[in-house]
């Protein structure tokens, strides 16, 4: 099943995203990521992440999100995980 992981950075994260990005991208390579990318604020600066991952269960999506180096580094202020039934663009 597909799950959307919507994560917003802490406002005081500074350059933590840039420092952690190589580990984050390497981590993602080990999973079936359907779609993903950085969220941008009104100035075009990265302010979060949106990832759609295809895993068996919600628990697997939660484990995926928790194991992300961004999450482990404390980058995110808020993370939501929501199931998705792809309909368009598939």
N, C-alpha and C. Protein backbone atom coordinates (compact mmCIF):
# COMPACT_ATOMS: atom_id res chain seq x y z
N UNK A 1 0.84 -1.17 0.00
CA UNK A 1 0.00 0.00 0.00
C UNK A 1 0.90 1.24 0.00
N UNK A 2 0.39 2.29 -0.58
CA UNK A 2 1.12 3.55 -0.62
C UNK A 2 0.79 4.39 0.62
N UNK A 3 1.83 5.06 1.12
CA UNK A 3 1.68 5.99 2.24
C UNK A 3 2.39 7.29 1.91
N UNK A 4 1.74 8.39 2.24
CA UNK A 4 2.32 9.71 2.07
C UNK A 4 2.93 10.13 3.39
N UNK A 5 4.20 10.50 3.34
CA UNK A 5 4.89 11.01 4.52
C UNK A 5 5.12 12.50 4.26
N UNK A 6 4.49 13.31 5.07
CA UNK A 6 4.56 14.77 4.95
C UNK A 6 5.29 15.27 6.19
N UNK A 7 6.48 15.82 5.99
CA UNK A 7 7.31 16.22 7.12
C UNK A 7 7.73 17.67 6.96
N UNK A 8 7.53 18.45 8.01
CA UNK A 8 7.91 19.87 8.00
C UNK A 8 9.12 20.08 8.91
N UNK A 9 10.10 20.82 8.39
CA UNK A 9 11.33 21.09 9.13
C UNK A 9 11.07 22.00 10.34
N UNK A 10 11.90 21.85 11.35
CA UNK A 10 11.91 22.79 12.47
C UNK A 10 12.38 24.14 11.96
N UNK A 11 11.84 25.19 12.49
CA UNK A 11 12.24 26.53 12.05
C UNK A 11 13.69 26.86 12.45
N UNK A 12 14.20 26.19 13.47
CA UNK A 12 15.57 26.46 13.93
C UNK A 12 16.57 25.41 13.45
N UNK A 13 16.24 24.69 12.37
CA UNK A 13 17.08 23.59 11.91
C UNK A 13 18.38 24.06 11.27
N UNK A 14 18.44 25.32 10.85
CA UNK A 14 19.66 25.84 10.25
C UNK A 14 20.08 25.02 9.04
N UNK A 15 21.35 24.63 8.98
CA UNK A 15 21.84 23.87 7.83
C UNK A 15 21.80 22.36 8.06
N UNK A 16 21.03 21.91 9.04
CA UNK A 16 20.92 20.48 9.35
C UNK A 16 20.46 19.68 8.13
N UNK A 17 19.51 20.22 7.36
CA UNK A 17 19.02 19.53 6.16
C UNK A 17 20.17 19.30 5.17
N UNK A 18 20.96 20.32 4.91
CA UNK A 18 22.06 20.20 3.95
C UNK A 18 23.12 19.21 4.44
N UNK A 19 23.43 19.24 5.71
CA UNK A 19 24.44 18.34 6.26
C UNK A 19 23.99 16.88 6.22
N UNK A 20 22.70 16.65 6.37
CA UNK A 20 22.16 15.30 6.48
C UNK A 20 21.70 14.74 5.13
N UNK A 21 21.60 15.59 4.12
CA UNK A 21 21.00 15.20 2.84
C UNK A 21 21.67 13.98 2.18
N UNK A 22 23.00 13.87 2.12
CA UNK A 22 23.59 12.68 1.49
C UNK A 22 23.15 11.38 2.15
N UNK A 23 23.09 11.35 3.47
CA UNK A 23 22.65 10.15 4.18
C UNK A 23 21.16 9.88 3.91
N UNK A 24 20.37 10.94 3.86
CA UNK A 24 18.94 10.81 3.56
C UNK A 24 18.73 10.18 2.19
N UNK A 25 19.42 10.69 1.17
CA UNK A 25 19.27 10.16 -0.18
C UNK A 25 19.75 8.71 -0.28
N UNK A 26 20.83 8.37 0.40
CA UNK A 26 21.31 6.99 0.41
C UNK A 26 20.28 6.07 1.06
N UNK A 27 19.66 6.53 2.13
CA UNK A 27 18.63 5.76 2.82
C UNK A 27 17.45 5.48 1.90
N UNK A 28 17.00 6.49 1.18
CA UNK A 28 15.84 6.33 0.30
C UNK A 28 16.09 5.30 -0.80
N UNK A 29 17.33 5.16 -1.23
CA UNK A 29 17.67 4.23 -2.31
C UNK A 29 17.34 2.78 -1.95
N UNK A 30 17.19 2.48 -0.68
CA UNK A 30 16.90 1.13 -0.25
C UNK A 30 15.43 0.78 -0.18
N UNK A 31 14.56 1.68 -0.64
CA UNK A 31 13.11 1.48 -0.53
C UNK A 31 12.42 1.72 -1.86
N UNK A 32 11.19 1.25 -1.96
CA UNK A 32 10.38 1.49 -3.14
C UNK A 32 9.66 2.83 -2.96
N UNK A 33 10.34 3.88 -3.33
CA UNK A 33 9.77 5.23 -3.24
C UNK A 33 9.07 5.53 -4.56
N UNK A 34 7.78 5.80 -4.49
CA UNK A 34 6.98 6.09 -5.67
C UNK A 34 7.20 7.51 -6.15
N UNK A 35 7.30 8.42 -5.21
CA UNK A 35 7.43 9.84 -5.53
C UNK A 35 7.98 10.53 -4.30
N UNK A 36 8.75 11.57 -4.51
CA UNK A 36 9.22 12.32 -3.36
C UNK A 36 10.02 13.53 -3.75
N UNK A 37 10.18 14.43 -2.79
CA UNK A 37 10.99 15.62 -3.00
C UNK A 37 10.84 16.58 -1.87
N UNK A 38 11.68 17.63 -1.90
CA UNK A 38 11.61 18.63 -0.84
C UNK A 38 10.40 19.54 -1.03
N UNK A 39 9.84 19.96 0.09
CA UNK A 39 8.81 20.99 0.08
C UNK A 39 9.51 22.34 0.11
N UNK A 40 8.92 23.33 -0.55
CA UNK A 40 9.54 24.65 -0.64
C UNK A 40 8.65 25.71 -0.02
N UNK A 41 9.27 26.67 0.67
CA UNK A 41 8.51 27.79 1.21
C UNK A 41 8.29 28.83 0.10
N UNK A 42 7.66 29.93 0.44
CA UNK A 42 7.33 30.96 -0.56
C UNK A 42 8.57 31.59 -1.19
N UNK A 43 9.72 31.46 -0.55
CA UNK A 43 10.97 31.99 -1.09
C UNK A 43 11.75 30.95 -1.88
N UNK A 44 11.17 29.75 -2.03
CA UNK A 44 11.85 28.69 -2.77
C UNK A 44 12.87 27.92 -1.96
N UNK A 45 12.89 28.12 -0.65
CA UNK A 45 13.82 27.41 0.23
C UNK A 45 13.19 26.12 0.73
N UNK A 46 14.01 25.07 0.85
CA UNK A 46 13.50 23.79 1.35
C UNK A 46 13.01 23.96 2.79
N UNK A 47 11.82 23.41 3.05
CA UNK A 47 11.22 23.55 4.38
C UNK A 47 10.59 22.25 4.87
N UNK A 48 10.77 21.17 4.14
CA UNK A 48 10.18 19.90 4.53
C UNK A 48 10.36 18.88 3.43
N UNK A 49 9.71 17.74 3.61
CA UNK A 49 9.80 16.64 2.65
C UNK A 49 8.43 16.02 2.44
N UNK A 50 8.20 15.57 1.21
CA UNK A 50 7.01 14.78 0.90
C UNK A 50 7.50 13.53 0.18
N UNK A 51 7.16 12.38 0.74
CA UNK A 51 7.58 11.11 0.17
C UNK A 51 6.38 10.19 0.11
N UNK A 52 6.19 9.55 -1.03
CA UNK A 52 5.18 8.51 -1.18
C UNK A 52 5.95 7.20 -1.29
N UNK A 53 5.73 6.32 -0.34
CA UNK A 53 6.45 5.05 -0.30
C UNK A 53 5.44 3.91 -0.39
N UNK A 54 5.85 2.83 -1.04
CA UNK A 54 5.00 1.66 -1.19
C UNK A 54 5.52 0.57 -0.26
N UNK A 55 4.81 0.35 0.85
CA UNK A 55 5.18 -0.66 1.84
C UNK A 55 3.92 -1.45 2.23
N UNK A 56 4.11 -2.54 2.91
CA UNK A 56 3.00 -3.44 3.23
C UNK A 56 2.00 -2.89 4.25
N UNK A 57 2.50 -2.20 5.27
CA UNK A 57 1.64 -1.79 6.38
C UNK A 57 1.96 -0.36 6.83
N UNK A 58 1.03 0.20 7.58
CA UNK A 58 1.28 1.51 8.18
C UNK A 58 2.48 1.46 9.11
N UNK A 59 2.60 0.36 9.85
CA UNK A 59 3.74 0.21 10.75
C UNK A 59 5.05 0.27 9.98
N UNK A 60 5.08 -0.33 8.79
CA UNK A 60 6.29 -0.27 7.96
C UNK A 60 6.56 1.15 7.51
N UNK A 61 5.51 1.90 7.19
CA UNK A 61 5.67 3.31 6.81
C UNK A 61 6.20 4.12 7.99
N UNK A 62 5.70 3.83 9.18
CA UNK A 62 6.18 4.53 10.38
C UNK A 62 7.65 4.21 10.64
N UNK A 63 8.03 2.95 10.46
CA UNK A 63 9.43 2.55 10.65
C UNK A 63 10.32 3.22 9.61
N UNK A 64 9.83 3.26 8.36
CA UNK A 64 10.57 3.94 7.30
C UNK A 64 10.81 5.40 7.67
N UNK A 65 9.76 6.09 8.09
CA UNK A 65 9.86 7.51 8.44
C UNK A 65 10.80 7.71 9.63
N UNK A 66 10.70 6.87 10.64
CA UNK A 66 11.53 7.02 11.82
C UNK A 66 13.01 6.73 11.53
N UNK A 67 13.28 5.85 10.57
CA UNK A 67 14.66 5.50 10.24
C UNK A 67 15.35 6.45 9.29
N UNK A 68 14.61 7.40 8.73
CA UNK A 68 15.18 8.39 7.82
C UNK A 68 16.23 9.21 8.57
N UNK A 69 17.42 9.36 8.02
CA UNK A 69 18.43 10.17 8.70
C UNK A 69 17.98 11.58 9.05
N UNK A 70 17.09 12.17 8.24
CA UNK A 70 16.54 13.47 8.61
C UNK A 70 15.81 13.38 9.94
N UNK A 71 14.97 12.36 10.09
CA UNK A 71 14.22 12.19 11.34
C UNK A 71 15.16 11.90 12.50
N UNK A 72 16.12 11.02 12.27
CA UNK A 72 17.06 10.67 13.33
C UNK A 72 17.88 11.87 13.79
N UNK A 73 18.13 12.81 12.87
CA UNK A 73 18.90 14.01 13.21
C UNK A 73 18.04 15.07 13.89
N UNK A 74 16.72 14.85 13.95
CA UNK A 74 15.84 15.82 14.59
C UNK A 74 15.46 17.00 13.71
N UNK A 75 15.49 16.81 12.39
CA UNK A 75 15.19 17.90 11.46
C UNK A 75 13.73 18.33 11.50
N UNK A 76 12.83 17.37 11.70
CA UNK A 76 11.41 17.66 11.52
C UNK A 76 10.71 18.15 12.78
N UNK A 77 9.85 19.13 12.57
CA UNK A 77 8.96 19.63 13.62
C UNK A 77 7.71 18.77 13.70
N UNK A 78 7.23 18.35 12.52
CA UNK A 78 5.99 17.58 12.48
C UNK A 78 6.04 16.60 11.30
N UNK A 79 5.57 15.38 11.54
CA UNK A 79 5.50 14.36 10.50
C UNK A 79 4.11 13.74 10.55
N UNK A 80 3.46 13.68 9.39
CA UNK A 80 2.19 12.96 9.30
C UNK A 80 2.33 11.86 8.26
N UNK A 81 1.66 10.75 8.51
CA UNK A 81 1.66 9.62 7.60
C UNK A 81 0.22 9.28 7.28
N UNK A 82 -0.09 9.24 5.99
CA UNK A 82 -1.45 9.01 5.53
C UNK A 82 -1.45 7.99 4.41
N UNK A 83 -2.38 7.05 4.47
CA UNK A 83 -2.52 6.09 3.39
C UNK A 83 -3.00 6.77 2.11
N UNK A 84 -2.64 6.17 0.97
CA UNK A 84 -3.00 6.74 -0.33
C UNK A 84 -3.39 5.62 -1.29
N UNK A 85 -4.48 5.82 -1.99
CA UNK A 85 -4.86 4.93 -3.08
C UNK A 85 -4.60 5.69 -4.38
N UNK A 86 -3.48 5.42 -5.06
CA UNK A 86 -3.17 6.15 -6.28
C UNK A 86 -4.28 5.96 -7.33
N UNK A 87 -4.66 7.05 -7.94
CA UNK A 87 -5.71 7.02 -8.95
C UNK A 87 -5.26 7.74 -10.22
N UNK A 88 -4.71 8.93 -10.05
CA UNK A 88 -4.26 9.73 -11.19
C UNK A 88 -2.75 9.69 -11.31
N UNK A 89 -2.23 9.75 -12.51
CA UNK A 89 -0.81 9.79 -12.72
C UNK A 89 -0.12 8.46 -12.54
N UNK A 90 -0.88 7.39 -12.51
CA UNK A 90 -0.27 6.07 -12.32
C UNK A 90 0.02 5.41 -13.64
